Amino acid sequence: MRGFRGSGGRTAVADRLHARHALRLYNEIARRGTPRRILGAMYEQFHGLSERPFSITPDPRYLYLSTRHAEALAHLLYGVRENGGFTQLTGEVGTGKTMLVRCLLERLPERTDTAIVLDPPATRIEFLQNICRELRMRTPRWVENPSSLGAALNRKLLRTYAAGRRTILIVDEAQALGADLLEQVRRLTNLETARHKLLGIVLVGQPELHETLARRDLRQLAQRITARCHLGPLSRAETGEYLRHRLKVAGSSREVFNSRARRRLHRISRGIPRIINVVADRALLGAFVRREHEIGPQLVRLAAREIYGRQGAPAGALWSGATG
């Protein structure tokens, strides 16, 4: 039978069976009640790590600045440091938008107030109420007209500006903003003194946001954007650097993923950091169960299958033209 020719073939098949068994054993242990945090701590110790390097929780310490990420962060910082900068940040799910915004928040100038709207509501009143709450403003519970909230917000921003402080509004999932809320955003850009804008704005969203703002009826808003940043996937080389960076932050000084494993992980993930994290974390667990300190492509493939099923990758993730 194919795959069983010679000792090399037998060894390869045995390795595949061993890797598959190891990952299934881990899942069975987890199902039987051993907390994943305990298993995680065990694999951290085995690999010489101080913490899990591939958690999907955004942690600015783990920010890897690819060329595109570095350019985007520079634009964001410039936008918020200028009075009234209006910046648009887009990227597919998992490309690192949230991580970049976390890093931005840590690097904001002193004396900066921030309002963060994570999930845009349906109405202008709710949208303005969210902003007011973020800025610790007292507002009536029942408001019939958004104009009164807009006027109260304007007074607050004027007081903040007079005190030598600046205010930044960050709207996440901004691709979900309807035309009415985008019109409200445009009105917020009108809040100003004779010389300075009172509110810096960062719109963060998926690529649909760029398409929405290109509409003719929204051209007045689009014309006010001072910087547009888009986060694309990592190249193959950047994927390797990304893995090394996160492992180093977590305390490793070794090349845990060999070159073939890095290529396989890049192909599976399409260079999307979130997918890299999920598969790499499971591969580290599998290597711990197998008692192996180096991860090869076979273990990466099996880890991806444990997560995504038989296809071994998220829908549409495998493609022939991988970037280099």
Protein backbone atom coordinates (compact mmCIF):
# COMPACT_ATOMS: atom_id res chain seq x y z
CA MET A 1 0.00 0.00 0.00
CA ARG A 2 1.16 3.54 -0.72
CA GLY A 3 2.77 5.17 2.30
CA PHE A 4 4.12 1.94 3.76
CA ARG A 5 7.14 1.47 1.48
CA GLY A 6 10.37 1.13 3.43
CA SER A 7 11.13 2.19 6.97
CA GLY A 8 10.83 5.89 6.09
CA GLY A 9 7.25 5.39 4.95
CA ARG A 10 6.37 3.41 8.07
CA THR A 11 7.91 6.12 10.26
CA ALA A 12 5.96 8.88 8.50
CA VAL A 13 2.67 7.04 8.92
CA ALA A 14 3.44 6.31 12.56
CA ASP A 15 4.23 9.97 13.16
CA ARG A 16 0.91 11.03 11.64
CA LEU A 17 -1.00 8.54 13.74
CA HIS A 18 0.90 9.65 16.84
CA ALA A 19 0.19 13.33 16.20
CA ARG A 20 -3.50 12.66 15.55
CA HIS A 21 -3.77 10.55 18.69
CA ALA A 22 -2.00 13.21 20.76
CA LEU A 23 -4.39 15.96 19.72
CA ARG A 24 -7.43 13.75 20.28
CA LEU A 25 -6.05 12.77 23.68
CA TYR A 26 -5.77 16.43 24.62
CA ASN A 27 -9.36 17.09 23.56
CA GLU A 28 -10.56 14.06 25.50
CA ILE A 29 -8.72 15.22 28.62
CA ALA A 30 -10.30 18.65 28.25
CA ARG A 31 -13.77 17.14 27.79
CA ARG A 32 -13.38 15.06 30.93
CA GLY A 33 -13.03 18.17 33.02
CA THR A 34 -9.37 19.11 33.19
CA PRO A 35 -9.51 22.90 32.83
CA ARG A 36 -7.86 24.18 29.67
CA ARG A 37 -6.03 26.77 31.76
CA ILE A 38 -4.27 23.91 33.60
CA LEU A 39 -3.36 22.23 30.32
CA GLY A 40 -2.20 25.62 29.07
CA ALA A 41 0.02 26.09 32.12
CA MET A 42 1.49 22.62 31.54
CA TYR A 43 2.38 23.38 27.94
CA GLU A 44 3.82 26.77 28.95
CA GLN A 45 6.21 25.04 31.33
CA PHE A 46 7.12 22.39 28.75
CA HIS A 47 7.98 24.98 26.09
CA GLY A 48 9.76 27.30 28.52
CA LEU A 49 7.13 30.03 28.29
CA SER A 50 5.94 32.45 30.94
CA GLU A 51 2.46 32.67 29.41
CA ARG A 52 0.46 31.54 26.40
CA PRO A 53 1.89 33.42 23.40
CA PHE A 54 -1.06 32.98 21.06
CA SER A 55 -4.05 34.10 23.09
CA ILE A 56 -6.66 35.85 20.94
CA THR A 57 -7.19 38.47 23.67
CA PRO A 58 -5.67 41.72 22.36
CA ASP A 59 -2.55 42.59 24.37
CA PRO A 60 -0.45 45.54 23.11
CA ARG A 61 2.72 43.83 24.36
CA TYR A 62 2.27 41.30 21.59
CA LEU A 63 1.70 43.83 18.82
CA TYR A 64 3.76 42.86 15.78
CA LEU A 65 4.31 45.84 13.53
CA SER A 66 4.35 44.64 9.96
CA THR A 67 4.96 47.37 7.39
CA ARG A 68 1.23 47.97 7.03
CA HIS A 69 0.57 47.89 10.77
CA ALA A 70 3.41 50.36 11.43
CA GLU A 71 2.09 52.74 8.77
CA ALA A 72 -1.45 52.49 10.13
CA LEU A 73 -0.32 53.17 13.70
CA ALA A 74 1.66 56.21 12.54
CA HIS A 75 -1.40 57.59 10.74
CA LEU A 76 -3.62 56.97 13.77
CA LEU A 77 -1.20 58.67 16.15
CA TYR A 78 -0.81 61.64 13.82
CA GLY A 79 -4.56 61.92 13.45
CA VAL A 80 -5.31 61.98 17.17
CA ARG A 81 -2.43 64.32 17.97
CA GLU A 82 -3.66 66.83 15.45
CA ASN A 83 -6.66 68.85 16.52
CA GLY A 84 -9.74 67.19 15.08
CA GLY A 85 -8.07 64.54 12.94
CA PHE A 86 -10.53 62.17 11.25
CA THR A 87 -9.08 58.71 10.51
CA GLN A 88 -10.52 55.59 8.90
CA LEU A 89 -9.04 52.16 9.79
CA THR A 90 -10.26 49.11 7.88
CA GLY A 91 -9.28 45.46 7.67
CA GLU A 92 -10.76 41.99 7.45
CA VAL A 93 -11.80 40.21 10.65
CA GLY A 94 -8.72 39.06 12.55
CA THR A 95 -6.14 41.32 10.89
CA GLY A 96 -5.33 43.18 14.10
CA LYS A 97 -7.55 46.27 14.15
CA THR A 98 -8.49 45.87 17.82
CA MET A 99 -4.87 45.25 18.80
CA LEU A 100 -3.79 48.39 16.95
CA VAL A 101 -6.48 50.48 18.66
CA ARG A 102 -5.38 49.13 22.07
CA CYS A 103 -1.83 50.19 21.24
CA LEU A 104 -3.11 53.60 20.13
CA LEU A 105 -4.92 54.08 23.45
CA GLU A 106 -1.71 53.33 25.36
CA ARG A 107 0.19 55.92 23.32
CA LEU A 108 -2.33 58.75 23.46
CA PRO A 109 -0.94 62.07 24.69
CA GLU A 110 -1.58 62.96 28.28
CA ARG A 111 -4.66 65.02 28.97
CA THR A 112 -6.72 63.14 26.38
CA ASP A 113 -10.30 62.03 27.00
CA THR A 114 -11.63 59.10 24.98
CA ALA A 115 -15.11 57.92 24.07
CA ILE A 116 -15.27 54.40 22.62
CA VAL A 117 -18.40 53.09 20.93
CA LEU A 118 -17.88 49.34 20.50
CA ASP A 119 -21.22 48.34 19.01
CA PRO A 120 -23.01 51.15 17.17
CA PRO A 121 -26.69 51.43 18.15
CA ALA A 122 -29.58 51.90 15.79
CA THR A 123 -30.55 55.53 16.44
CA ARG A 124 -28.81 58.89 16.61
CA ILE A 125 -30.09 59.48 20.14
CA GLU A 126 -28.62 56.19 21.39
CA PHE A 127 -25.38 56.92 19.57
CA LEU A 128 -25.03 60.34 21.20
CA GLN A 129 -26.05 58.93 24.58
CA ASN A 130 -23.26 56.36 24.32
CA ILE A 131 -20.73 59.09 23.60
CA CYS A 132 -22.00 61.21 26.49
CA ARG A 133 -21.79 58.28 28.91
CA GLU A 134 -18.24 57.54 27.79
CA LEU A 135 -17.35 61.15 28.58
CA ARG A 136 -19.08 60.86 31.97
CA MET A 137 -21.76 63.37 31.13
CA ARG A 138 -25.09 63.43 32.89
CA THR A 139 -27.90 63.20 30.39
CA PRO A 140 -31.68 62.83 30.76
CA ARG A 141 -32.99 59.28 30.60
CA TRP A 142 -35.59 60.23 28.03
CA VAL A 143 -34.52 62.38 25.09
CA GLU A 144 -36.82 63.15 22.18
CA ASN A 145 -34.48 65.23 20.03
CA PRO A 146 -30.82 64.44 19.24
CA SER A 147 -30.16 68.16 18.83
CA SER A 148 -30.34 68.72 22.60
CA LEU A 149 -27.76 65.98 23.17
CA GLY A 150 -25.58 67.42 20.43
CA ALA A 151 -25.71 70.85 22.08
CA ALA A 152 -24.83 69.38 25.50
CA LEU A 153 -21.93 67.49 23.95
CA ASN A 154 -20.70 70.65 22.27
CA ARG A 155 -20.68 72.51 25.60
CA LYS A 156 -18.78 69.64 27.22
CA LEU A 157 -16.17 69.62 24.45
CA LEU A 158 -15.73 73.39 24.73
CA ARG A 159 -15.07 73.09 28.48
CA THR A 160 -12.63 70.26 27.86
CA TYR A 161 -10.79 72.27 25.22
CA ALA A 162 -10.65 75.33 27.49
CA ALA A 163 -9.05 73.15 30.18
CA GLY A 164 -6.25 72.19 27.78
CA ARG A 165 -7.50 68.69 27.09
CA ARG A 166 -8.44 66.99 23.84
CA THR A 167 -11.19 64.47 23.11
CA ILE A 168 -11.08 61.43 20.83
CA LEU A 169 -14.04 59.36 19.63
CA ILE A 170 -13.36 55.79 18.46
CA VAL A 171 -16.20 53.93 16.76
CA ASP A 172 -15.62 50.19 16.31
CA GLU A 173 -17.58 48.03 13.84
CA ALA A 174 -18.25 51.24 11.96
CA GLN A 175 -19.28 49.32 8.84
CA ALA A 176 -22.56 48.77 10.71
CA LEU A 177 -23.34 52.50 10.81
CA GLY A 178 -26.40 53.38 8.77
CA ALA A 179 -26.78 56.54 6.72
CA ASP A 180 -28.50 58.35 9.61
CA LEU A 181 -25.65 57.65 12.04
CA LEU A 182 -23.02 58.53 9.46
CA GLU A 183 -24.78 61.85 9.03
CA GLN A 184 -24.51 62.29 12.80
CA VAL A 185 -20.78 61.57 12.58
CA ARG A 186 -20.52 64.28 9.92
CA ARG A 187 -22.26 66.71 12.25
CA LEU A 188 -19.81 65.85 15.02
CA THR A 189 -16.98 66.93 12.74
CA ASN A 190 -18.59 70.39 12.72
CA LEU A 191 -17.99 70.88 16.46
CA GLU A 192 -15.18 73.41 16.55
CA THR A 193 -13.83 76.69 17.80
CA ALA A 194 -12.75 79.46 15.45
CA ARG A 195 -9.41 77.68 14.93
CA HIS A 196 -9.64 74.07 16.12
CA LYS A 197 -11.86 71.03 15.85
CA LEU A 198 -13.13 69.87 19.23
CA LEU A 199 -13.33 66.15 18.50
CA GLY A 200 -10.91 63.75 16.85
CA ILE A 201 -12.63 60.75 15.28
CA VAL A 202 -11.41 57.26 14.40
CA LEU A 203 -13.76 54.97 12.47
CA VAL A 204 -12.73 51.30 12.69
CA GLY A 205 -14.40 48.67 10.56
CA GLN A 206 -14.33 45.92 7.99
CA PRO A 207 -13.67 46.71 4.30
CA GLU A 208 -17.37 47.38 3.73
CA LEU A 209 -16.83 50.68 5.56
CA HIS A 210 -14.60 51.92 2.75
CA GLU A 211 -17.23 50.93 0.20
CA THR A 212 -19.97 52.68 2.17
CA LEU A 213 -18.04 55.92 2.48
CA ALA A 214 -17.41 55.90 -1.27
CA ARG A 215 -21.13 56.41 -1.89
CA ARG A 216 -22.03 59.68 -3.58
CA ASP A 217 -24.54 60.67 -0.90
CA LEU A 218 -21.79 60.42 1.75
CA ARG A 219 -19.13 62.39 -0.12
CA GLN A 220 -19.30 65.31 2.33
CA LEU A 221 -18.32 62.98 5.16
CA ALA A 222 -15.69 61.13 3.10
CA GLN A 223 -14.04 64.41 2.12
CA ARG A 224 -13.37 65.19 5.78
CA ILE A 225 -11.33 62.04 6.40
CA THR A 226 -7.69 63.05 6.79
CA ALA A 227 -6.13 59.56 6.72
CA ARG A 228 -7.21 56.14 5.48
CA CYS A 229 -5.45 52.99 6.71
CA HIS A 230 -6.10 49.40 5.63
CA LEU A 231 -4.66 46.31 7.34
CA GLY A 232 -4.00 43.43 4.97
CA PRO A 233 -2.79 39.90 5.72
CA LEU A 234 0.80 39.14 6.66
CA SER A 235 3.20 37.91 4.00
CA ARG A 236 4.87 34.53 4.39
CA ALA A 237 8.01 36.19 5.77
CA GLU A 238 5.96 38.35 8.14
CA THR A 239 4.09 35.27 9.39
CA GLY A 240 7.42 33.78 10.49
CA GLU A 241 8.45 37.04 12.14
CA TYR A 242 5.04 37.25 13.83
CA LEU A 243 5.45 33.77 15.33
CA ARG A 244 8.96 34.55 16.58
CA HIS A 245 7.87 37.86 18.05
CA ARG A 246 5.00 36.43 20.07
CA LEU A 247 7.07 33.49 21.30
CA LYS A 248 9.85 35.86 22.34
CA VAL A 249 7.44 38.09 24.30
CA ALA A 250 6.19 34.95 26.08
CA GLY A 251 9.74 34.00 27.06
CA SER A 252 10.95 31.62 24.35
CA SER A 253 14.37 31.98 22.73
CA ARG A 254 13.98 28.95 20.42
CA GLU A 255 12.66 28.48 16.89
CA VAL A 256 9.64 26.43 17.93
CA PHE A 257 8.00 26.23 14.48
CA ASN A 258 10.36 24.95 11.80
CA SER A 259 10.41 26.52 8.33
CA ARG A 260 7.99 24.02 6.79
CA ALA A 261 5.58 24.49 9.70
CA ARG A 262 5.70 28.26 9.21
CA ARG A 263 4.92 27.88 5.50
CA ARG A 264 2.03 25.54 6.25
CA LEU A 265 0.64 27.87 8.90
CA HIS A 266 0.82 30.82 6.53
CA ARG A 267 -1.02 28.87 3.83
CA ILE A 268 -3.74 27.73 6.24
CA SER A 269 -4.23 31.16 7.80
CA ARG A 270 -3.83 33.30 4.67
CA GLY A 271 -1.66 35.48 6.88
CA ILE A 272 -4.58 36.47 9.15
CA PRO A 273 -3.14 36.94 12.68
CA ARG A 274 -6.22 35.64 14.52
CA ILE A 275 -6.18 32.36 12.59
CA ILE A 276 -2.42 32.06 13.11
CA ASN A 277 -2.99 32.43 16.86
CA VAL A 278 -5.72 29.79 17.07
CA VAL A 279 -3.82 27.16 15.08
CA ALA A 280 -0.43 27.91 16.66
CA ASP A 281 -1.90 27.62 20.16
CA ARG A 282 -3.40 24.22 19.38
CA ALA A 283 -0.14 23.07 17.75
CA LEU A 284 1.80 24.00 20.91
CA LEU A 285 -0.62 21.90 22.94
CA GLY A 286 -0.19 19.00 20.55
CA ALA A 287 3.60 19.27 20.76
CA PHE A 288 3.36 19.23 24.56
CA VAL A 289 1.30 16.04 24.51
CA ARG A 290 3.80 14.44 22.11
CA ARG A 291 6.73 15.73 24.20
CA GLU A 292 8.26 17.40 21.15
CA HIS A 293 10.00 20.78 21.31
CA GLU A 294 9.91 21.48 17.56
CA ILE A 295 6.70 21.77 15.59
CA GLY A 296 6.58 20.56 11.99
CA PRO A 297 3.99 20.94 9.21
CA GLN A 298 2.16 17.71 10.03
CA LEU A 299 1.30 18.87 13.54
CA VAL A 300 0.16 22.25 12.19
CA ARG A 301 -2.11 20.49 9.70
CA LEU A 302 -3.61 18.23 12.36
CA ALA A 303 -4.10 21.16 14.74
CA ALA A 304 -6.00 23.01 12.01
CA ARG A 305 -8.18 19.95 11.37
CA GLU A 306 -9.03 19.70 15.06
CA ILE A 307 -10.24 23.30 14.92
CA TYR A 308 -11.78 23.63 11.46
CA GLY A 309 -12.75 20.07 10.61
CA ARG A 310 -11.70 17.88 7.74
CA GLN A 311 -10.96 20.78 5.41
CA GLY A 312 -8.27 21.85 7.87
CA ALA A 313 -8.75 25.58 7.31
CA PRO A 314 -11.43 28.27 7.63
CA ALA A 315 -13.77 28.51 4.66
CA GLY A 316 -11.92 29.99 1.71
CA ALA A 317 -8.60 30.03 3.52
CA LEU A 318 -6.63 27.78 1.19
CA TRP A 319 -5.59 29.48 -2.02
CA SER A 320 -2.92 28.97 -4.64
CA GLY A 321 -1.42 32.44 -4.75
CA ALA A 322 0.01 32.83 -1.26
CA THR A 323 1.92 36.04 -0.82
CA GLY A 324 5.59 35.75 -0.08
